[in-house]
Structures are given as structure tokens and as C-alpha cells.
Amino acid sequence: MRLQDRVAIVVGAGQSPGEGIGNGRATALTFAREGARVLCVDHHLDSAQETVDMIAAKGGTAAAFKADVTKNAEIKAMVADAQQRWGTVDILHNNV
């Protein structure tokens, strides 16, 4: 696994309504499949949690986080959450 023991934040990890799978969710799932622990960030917490549930169903590690990344305080909180959970941030994928 190429991302084993890495910590990734994926912004936009939720899913907009409709068929198919969005880039953010696909990225979060791929990072988790490759061994990363993933903080799934979206402004719709329920949607981010759906992504987390999909990752957990495949044996991966992830957590959901609600943030509006146009607000500095929420960006700082997002990073702090990942650091508190897993000690570091190795990857930041901003999909919004």
C-alpha cells in the first residue's frame, strides 16, 4: 500500500446529489484503499460521513469533519482535528 501510515485531508469528500461518484469522494476512497487515514471534509457533514462509512466498510480508517474552507478558522480547526487524531498531516487534497 503506497500511502500506508500517511494522514490525508480530503476537502470536498462528500457527494453532490446525482448518479456517479464525485472526484472528492473517489479521492478519499482511493487514499484509504492505499492505506491512508483520511479526514473527509465537506460543508455537508452527512455527506462526508457517508464517505467515511464507505471507507470503514472496506476496513479503512477515516473520520468526517464539517468545514467551510472559505473561513480561516474552519481551515485551522480542520488541520488541528487531523493532527489531534493522528499526529500529523501528510497530504492535503483540496477538491473544492
N, C-alpha and C. Protein backbone atom coordinates (compact mmCIF):
# COMPACT_ATOMS: atom_id res chain seq x y z
N MET A 1 0.83 -1.17 0.00
CA MET A 1 0.00 0.00 0.00
C MET A 1 0.88 1.25 0.00
N ARG A 2 0.68 2.08 -0.97
CA ARG A 2 1.55 3.23 -1.19
C ARG A 2 1.40 4.35 -0.16
N LEU A 3 0.27 4.44 0.51
CA LEU A 3 0.05 5.52 1.48
C LEU A 3 -0.07 5.01 2.91
N GLN A 4 0.44 3.81 3.16
CA GLN A 4 0.37 3.22 4.49
C GLN A 4 0.93 4.18 5.53
N ASP A 5 0.18 4.38 6.62
CA ASP A 5 0.56 5.22 7.75
C ASP A 5 0.62 6.71 7.42
N ARG A 6 0.10 7.12 6.29
CA ARG A 6 0.01 8.54 5.95
C ARG A 6 -1.34 9.06 6.43
N VAL A 7 -1.39 10.37 6.67
CA VAL A 7 -2.63 11.03 7.05
C VAL A 7 -2.99 12.00 5.94
N ALA A 8 -4.21 11.87 5.45
CA ALA A 8 -4.68 12.73 4.35
C ALA A 8 -5.93 13.48 4.77
N ILE A 9 -5.98 14.74 4.36
CA ILE A 9 -7.21 15.53 4.47
C ILE A 9 -7.73 15.68 3.05
N VAL A 10 -8.99 15.29 2.84
CA VAL A 10 -9.62 15.47 1.54
C VAL A 10 -10.79 16.44 1.72
N VAL A 11 -10.62 17.63 1.18
CA VAL A 11 -11.67 18.65 1.24
C VAL A 11 -12.59 18.44 0.04
N GLY A 12 -13.88 18.38 0.32
CA GLY A 12 -14.85 18.08 -0.74
C GLY A 12 -15.06 16.59 -0.87
N ALA A 13 -14.91 15.87 0.25
CA ALA A 13 -15.01 14.41 0.24
C ALA A 13 -16.44 13.91 0.25
N GLY A 14 -17.39 14.81 0.36
CA GLY A 14 -18.79 14.42 0.29
C GLY A 14 -19.22 14.20 -1.14
N GLN A 15 -20.50 14.16 -1.34
CA GLN A 15 -21.03 13.85 -2.67
C GLN A 15 -22.21 14.75 -2.95
N SER A 16 -22.22 15.37 -4.11
CA SER A 16 -23.39 16.12 -4.55
C SER A 16 -24.47 15.14 -4.98
N PRO A 17 -25.72 15.56 -4.91
CA PRO A 17 -26.80 14.66 -5.37
C PRO A 17 -26.61 14.27 -6.83
N GLY A 18 -27.06 13.09 -7.17
CA GLY A 18 -26.98 12.61 -8.54
C GLY A 18 -26.28 11.28 -8.63
N GLU A 19 -26.23 10.78 -9.84
CA GLU A 19 -25.59 9.49 -10.07
C GLU A 19 -24.08 9.64 -10.17
N GLY A 20 -23.41 8.53 -10.05
CA GLY A 20 -21.96 8.52 -10.18
C GLY A 20 -21.28 8.83 -8.88
N ILE A 21 -19.99 9.07 -8.97
CA ILE A 21 -19.18 9.38 -7.80
C ILE A 21 -18.32 10.59 -8.13
N GLY A 22 -18.27 11.53 -7.20
CA GLY A 22 -17.50 12.75 -7.42
C GLY A 22 -16.02 12.55 -7.19
N ASN A 23 -15.24 13.52 -7.63
CA ASN A 23 -13.78 13.45 -7.51
C ASN A 23 -13.32 13.40 -6.06
N GLY A 24 -13.95 14.18 -5.19
CA GLY A 24 -13.53 14.20 -3.79
C GLY A 24 -13.76 12.87 -3.10
N ARG A 25 -14.95 12.32 -3.28
CA ARG A 25 -15.24 11.01 -2.67
C ARG A 25 -14.32 9.94 -3.26
N ALA A 26 -14.12 9.96 -4.57
CA ALA A 26 -13.25 8.97 -5.21
C ALA A 26 -11.82 9.09 -4.67
N THR A 27 -11.36 10.31 -4.45
CA THR A 27 -10.01 10.51 -3.91
C THR A 27 -9.90 9.95 -2.50
N ALA A 28 -10.90 10.27 -1.65
CA ALA A 28 -10.88 9.77 -0.28
C ALA A 28 -10.87 8.24 -0.25
N LEU A 29 -11.70 7.63 -1.07
CA LEU A 29 -11.76 6.17 -1.12
C LEU A 29 -10.44 5.58 -1.60
N THR A 30 -9.83 6.21 -2.59
CA THR A 30 -8.56 5.72 -3.13
C THR A 30 -7.44 5.85 -2.11
N PHE A 31 -7.36 7.01 -1.46
CA PHE A 31 -6.33 7.20 -0.43
C PHE A 31 -6.48 6.16 0.67
N ALA A 32 -7.71 5.92 1.11
CA ALA A 32 -7.93 4.93 2.17
C ALA A 32 -7.56 3.53 1.70
N ARG A 33 -7.93 3.20 0.47
CA ARG A 33 -7.59 1.88 -0.08
C ARG A 33 -6.08 1.68 -0.12
N GLU A 34 -5.35 2.77 -0.30
CA GLU A 34 -3.89 2.70 -0.35
C GLU A 34 -3.25 2.81 1.03
N GLY A 35 -4.08 2.83 2.10
CA GLY A 35 -3.56 2.74 3.45
C GLY A 35 -3.57 4.02 4.25
N ALA A 36 -3.99 5.12 3.68
CA ALA A 36 -4.01 6.39 4.42
C ALA A 36 -5.17 6.43 5.41
N ARG A 37 -4.98 7.17 6.48
CA ARG A 37 -6.06 7.56 7.38
C ARG A 37 -6.57 8.88 6.82
N VAL A 38 -7.88 8.99 6.61
CA VAL A 38 -8.44 10.10 5.84
C VAL A 38 -9.42 10.92 6.66
N LEU A 39 -9.18 12.23 6.73
CA LEU A 39 -10.17 13.15 7.28
C LEU A 39 -11.00 13.63 6.10
N CYS A 40 -12.25 13.22 6.07
CA CYS A 40 -13.18 13.55 4.99
C CYS A 40 -13.90 14.84 5.35
N VAL A 41 -13.56 15.90 4.66
CA VAL A 41 -14.08 17.23 4.98
C VAL A 41 -15.09 17.65 3.92
N ASP A 42 -16.22 18.18 4.40
CA ASP A 42 -17.23 18.71 3.49
C ASP A 42 -18.09 19.69 4.27
N HIS A 43 -18.76 20.59 3.58
CA HIS A 43 -19.66 21.51 4.28
C HIS A 43 -21.00 20.83 4.59
N HIS A 44 -21.21 19.65 4.06
CA HIS A 44 -22.36 18.81 4.41
C HIS A 44 -21.83 17.60 5.18
N LEU A 45 -21.94 17.66 6.49
CA LEU A 45 -21.35 16.61 7.33
C LEU A 45 -21.93 15.24 7.03
N ASP A 46 -23.23 15.16 6.77
CA ASP A 46 -23.84 13.86 6.47
C ASP A 46 -23.22 13.21 5.24
N SER A 47 -22.91 14.02 4.25
CA SER A 47 -22.30 13.50 3.02
C SER A 47 -20.87 13.02 3.28
N ALA A 48 -20.13 13.78 4.08
CA ALA A 48 -18.77 13.35 4.45
C ALA A 48 -18.84 12.05 5.24
N GLN A 49 -19.84 11.92 6.12
CA GLN A 49 -19.99 10.70 6.90
C GLN A 49 -20.31 9.50 6.02
N GLU A 50 -21.07 9.71 4.96
CA GLU A 50 -21.33 8.61 4.02
C GLU A 50 -20.02 8.10 3.42
N THR A 51 -19.13 9.02 3.09
CA THR A 51 -17.82 8.61 2.56
C THR A 51 -17.04 7.83 3.61
N VAL A 52 -17.06 8.31 4.84
CA VAL A 52 -16.39 7.61 5.95
C VAL A 52 -16.96 6.20 6.10
N ASP A 53 -18.27 6.08 6.01
CA ASP A 53 -18.90 4.77 6.15
C ASP A 53 -18.46 3.82 5.03
N MET A 54 -18.32 4.36 3.83
CA MET A 54 -17.85 3.55 2.70
C MET A 54 -16.41 3.08 2.94
N ILE A 55 -15.58 3.96 3.49
CA ILE A 55 -14.20 3.60 3.79
C ILE A 55 -14.16 2.53 4.89
N ALA A 56 -14.94 2.73 5.94
CA ALA A 56 -14.96 1.77 7.05
C ALA A 56 -15.44 0.40 6.59
N ALA A 57 -16.39 0.38 5.67
CA ALA A 57 -16.91 -0.90 5.17
C ALA A 57 -15.85 -1.72 4.46
N LYS A 58 -14.82 -1.04 3.97
CA LYS A 58 -13.70 -1.72 3.30
C LYS A 58 -12.50 -1.92 4.23
N GLY A 59 -12.69 -1.61 5.53
CA GLY A 59 -11.62 -1.82 6.51
C GLY A 59 -10.67 -0.65 6.66
N GLY A 60 -10.99 0.49 6.08
CA GLY A 60 -10.12 1.66 6.19
C GLY A 60 -10.42 2.51 7.41
N THR A 61 -9.60 3.53 7.60
CA THR A 61 -9.74 4.43 8.73
C THR A 61 -10.02 5.83 8.22
N ALA A 62 -11.11 6.41 8.72
CA ALA A 62 -11.48 7.76 8.29
C ALA A 62 -12.37 8.40 9.33
N ALA A 63 -12.47 9.72 9.25
CA ALA A 63 -13.36 10.49 10.11
C ALA A 63 -13.95 11.62 9.28
N ALA A 64 -15.15 12.03 9.66
CA ALA A 64 -15.82 13.13 8.96
C ALA A 64 -15.60 14.43 9.71
N PHE A 65 -15.52 15.53 8.95
CA PHE A 65 -15.36 16.84 9.55
C PHE A 65 -16.11 17.86 8.72
N LYS A 66 -16.88 18.70 9.37
CA LYS A 66 -17.65 19.74 8.68
C LYS A 66 -16.84 21.03 8.67
N ALA A 67 -16.65 21.59 7.49
CA ALA A 67 -15.93 22.86 7.39
C ALA A 67 -16.33 23.61 6.13
N ASP A 68 -16.33 24.92 6.26
CA ASP A 68 -16.45 25.83 5.13
C ASP A 68 -15.04 26.37 4.90
N VAL A 69 -14.38 25.90 3.87
CA VAL A 69 -12.97 26.23 3.68
C VAL A 69 -12.74 27.63 3.11
N THR A 70 -13.78 28.44 3.07
CA THR A 70 -13.59 29.86 2.77
C THR A 70 -13.36 30.64 4.05
N LYS A 71 -13.40 29.94 5.20
CA LYS A 71 -13.22 30.58 6.50
C LYS A 71 -11.94 30.07 7.17
N ASN A 72 -11.02 31.00 7.44
CA ASN A 72 -9.72 30.64 8.01
C ASN A 72 -9.84 29.82 9.29
N ALA A 73 -10.73 30.21 10.17
CA ALA A 73 -10.86 29.50 11.45
C ALA A 73 -11.26 28.04 11.24
N GLU A 74 -12.09 27.79 10.24
CA GLU A 74 -12.52 26.41 9.99
C GLU A 74 -11.41 25.59 9.34
N ILE A 75 -10.58 26.23 8.53
CA ILE A 75 -9.42 25.54 7.96
C ILE A 75 -8.46 25.14 9.08
N LYS A 76 -8.20 26.07 9.97
CA LYS A 76 -7.30 25.78 11.11
C LYS A 76 -7.87 24.65 11.97
N ALA A 77 -9.18 24.68 12.20
CA ALA A 77 -9.81 23.62 13.00
C ALA A 77 -9.72 22.27 12.31
N MET A 78 -9.85 22.27 11.00
CA MET A 78 -9.76 21.03 10.21
C MET A 78 -8.37 20.40 10.38
N VAL A 79 -7.35 21.21 10.23
CA VAL A 79 -5.97 20.70 10.36
C VAL A 79 -5.71 20.25 11.79
N ALA A 80 -6.18 21.04 12.75
CA ALA A 80 -5.98 20.68 14.16
C ALA A 80 -6.67 19.35 14.48
N ASP A 81 -7.84 19.12 13.91
CA ASP A 81 -8.55 17.87 14.15
C ASP A 81 -7.73 16.68 13.65
N ALA A 82 -7.21 16.78 12.42
CA ALA A 82 -6.39 15.68 11.88
C ALA A 82 -5.14 15.46 12.73
N GLN A 83 -4.51 16.54 13.15
CA GLN A 83 -3.30 16.41 13.97
C GLN A 83 -3.62 15.80 15.32
N GLN A 84 -4.75 16.19 15.92
CA GLN A 84 -5.12 15.63 17.21
C GLN A 84 -5.43 14.14 17.09
N ARG A 85 -6.11 13.75 16.02
CA ARG A 85 -6.47 12.34 15.82
C ARG A 85 -5.26 11.47 15.52
N TRP A 86 -4.42 11.96 14.58
CA TRP A 86 -3.39 11.08 14.03
C TRP A 86 -1.97 11.64 14.09
N GLY A 87 -1.79 12.82 14.70
CA GLY A 87 -0.45 13.33 14.97
C GLY A 87 0.19 14.17 13.89
N THR A 88 -0.33 14.13 12.68
CA THR A 88 0.33 14.84 11.58
C THR A 88 -0.64 15.00 10.41
N VAL A 89 -0.21 15.72 9.41
CA VAL A 89 -0.90 15.76 8.11
C VAL A 89 0.16 15.59 7.06
N ASP A 90 0.02 14.57 6.24
CA ASP A 90 0.98 14.31 5.16
C ASP A 90 0.47 14.77 3.79
N ILE A 91 -0.85 14.73 3.62
CA ILE A 91 -1.43 15.01 2.31
C ILE A 91 -2.63 15.93 2.50
N LEU A 92 -2.72 16.97 1.69
CA LEU A 92 -3.90 17.82 1.65
C LEU A 92 -4.39 17.85 0.21
N HIS A 93 -5.60 17.35 0.01
CA HIS A 93 -6.22 17.35 -1.32
C HIS A 93 -7.44 18.26 -1.25
N ASN A 94 -7.35 19.41 -1.89
CA ASN A 94 -8.45 20.37 -1.89
C ASN A 94 -9.24 20.20 -3.18
N ASN A 95 -10.42 19.64 -3.05
CA ASN A 95 -11.24 19.34 -4.22
C ASN A 95 -12.40 20.31 -4.39
N VAL A 96 -12.30 21.48 -3.78
CA VAL A 96 -13.38 22.47 -3.95
C VAL A 96 -12.84 23.74 -4.56
